[in-house]
């Protein structure tokens, strides 16, 4: 699973529809906020709008 590769120790609880990802150690405020942003981008990627075909 890709999640396991990117975030070792992450667990998906399907029955509860929950995800548990261990926090990295020794991150300062800005680095922790960036890490959470990267995690959310990995789980919920921003969809790329489809382009119209060229005629």
Protein backbone atom coordinates (compact mmCIF):
# COMPACT_ATOMS: atom_id res chain seq x y z
CA UNK A 1 0.00 0.00 0.00
CA UNK A 2 1.34 3.44 -0.90
CA UNK A 3 0.42 4.92 2.47
CA UNK A 4 2.63 2.39 4.28
CA UNK A 5 5.56 3.28 2.03
CA UNK A 6 5.19 7.03 2.52
CA UNK A 7 4.25 6.95 6.21
CA UNK A 8 5.65 3.86 8.00
CA UNK A 9 3.48 2.79 10.90
CA UNK A 10 0.30 4.24 9.37
CA UNK A 11 -2.82 2.14 9.91
CA UNK A 12 -6.19 2.23 8.21
CA UNK A 13 -9.19 1.15 10.28
CA UNK A 14 -11.77 0.32 7.63
CA UNK A 15 -14.62 -0.49 9.99
CA UNK A 16 -14.38 2.91 11.68
CA UNK A 17 -13.29 4.70 8.47
CA UNK A 18 -10.31 6.10 10.38
CA UNK A 19 -6.62 6.55 9.66
CA UNK A 20 -3.83 6.62 12.21
CA UNK A 21 -0.46 8.10 11.19
CA UNK A 22 2.33 8.39 13.75
CA UNK A 23 3.76 11.89 14.12
CA UNK A 24 7.43 12.38 13.28
CA UNK A 25 9.73 13.16 16.19
CA UNK A 26 11.38 16.52 16.89
CA UNK A 27 9.57 18.77 14.43
CA UNK A 28 9.22 22.46 15.15
CA UNK A 29 5.95 24.29 14.55
CA UNK A 30 6.45 25.28 10.89
CA UNK A 31 7.89 21.89 9.94
CA UNK A 32 4.99 20.08 11.65
CA UNK A 33 2.44 22.22 9.81
CA UNK A 34 4.22 21.48 6.51
CA UNK A 35 4.28 17.73 7.33
CA UNK A 36 0.52 17.73 8.02
CA UNK A 37 -0.06 19.61 4.76
CA UNK A 38 1.97 17.03 2.84
CA UNK A 39 0.04 14.21 4.52
CA UNK A 40 -3.31 15.73 3.58
CA UNK A 41 -2.12 16.33 0.00
CA UNK A 42 -1.06 12.67 -0.23
CA UNK A 43 -4.42 11.42 1.08
CA UNK A 44 -6.67 13.95 -0.68
CA UNK A 45 -4.87 15.11 -3.83
CA UNK A 46 -6.20 18.20 -5.55
CA UNK A 47 -8.00 17.08 -8.73
CA UNK A 48 -6.55 18.32 -11.97
CA UNK A 49 -9.29 19.76 -14.20
CA UNK A 50 -9.73 17.95 -17.49
CA UNK A 51 -8.89 19.92 -20.57
CA UNK A 52 -11.22 20.06 -23.51
CA UNK A 53 -10.09 18.13 -26.59
CA UNK A 54 -8.53 20.22 -29.34
CA UNK A 55 -10.44 20.07 -32.61
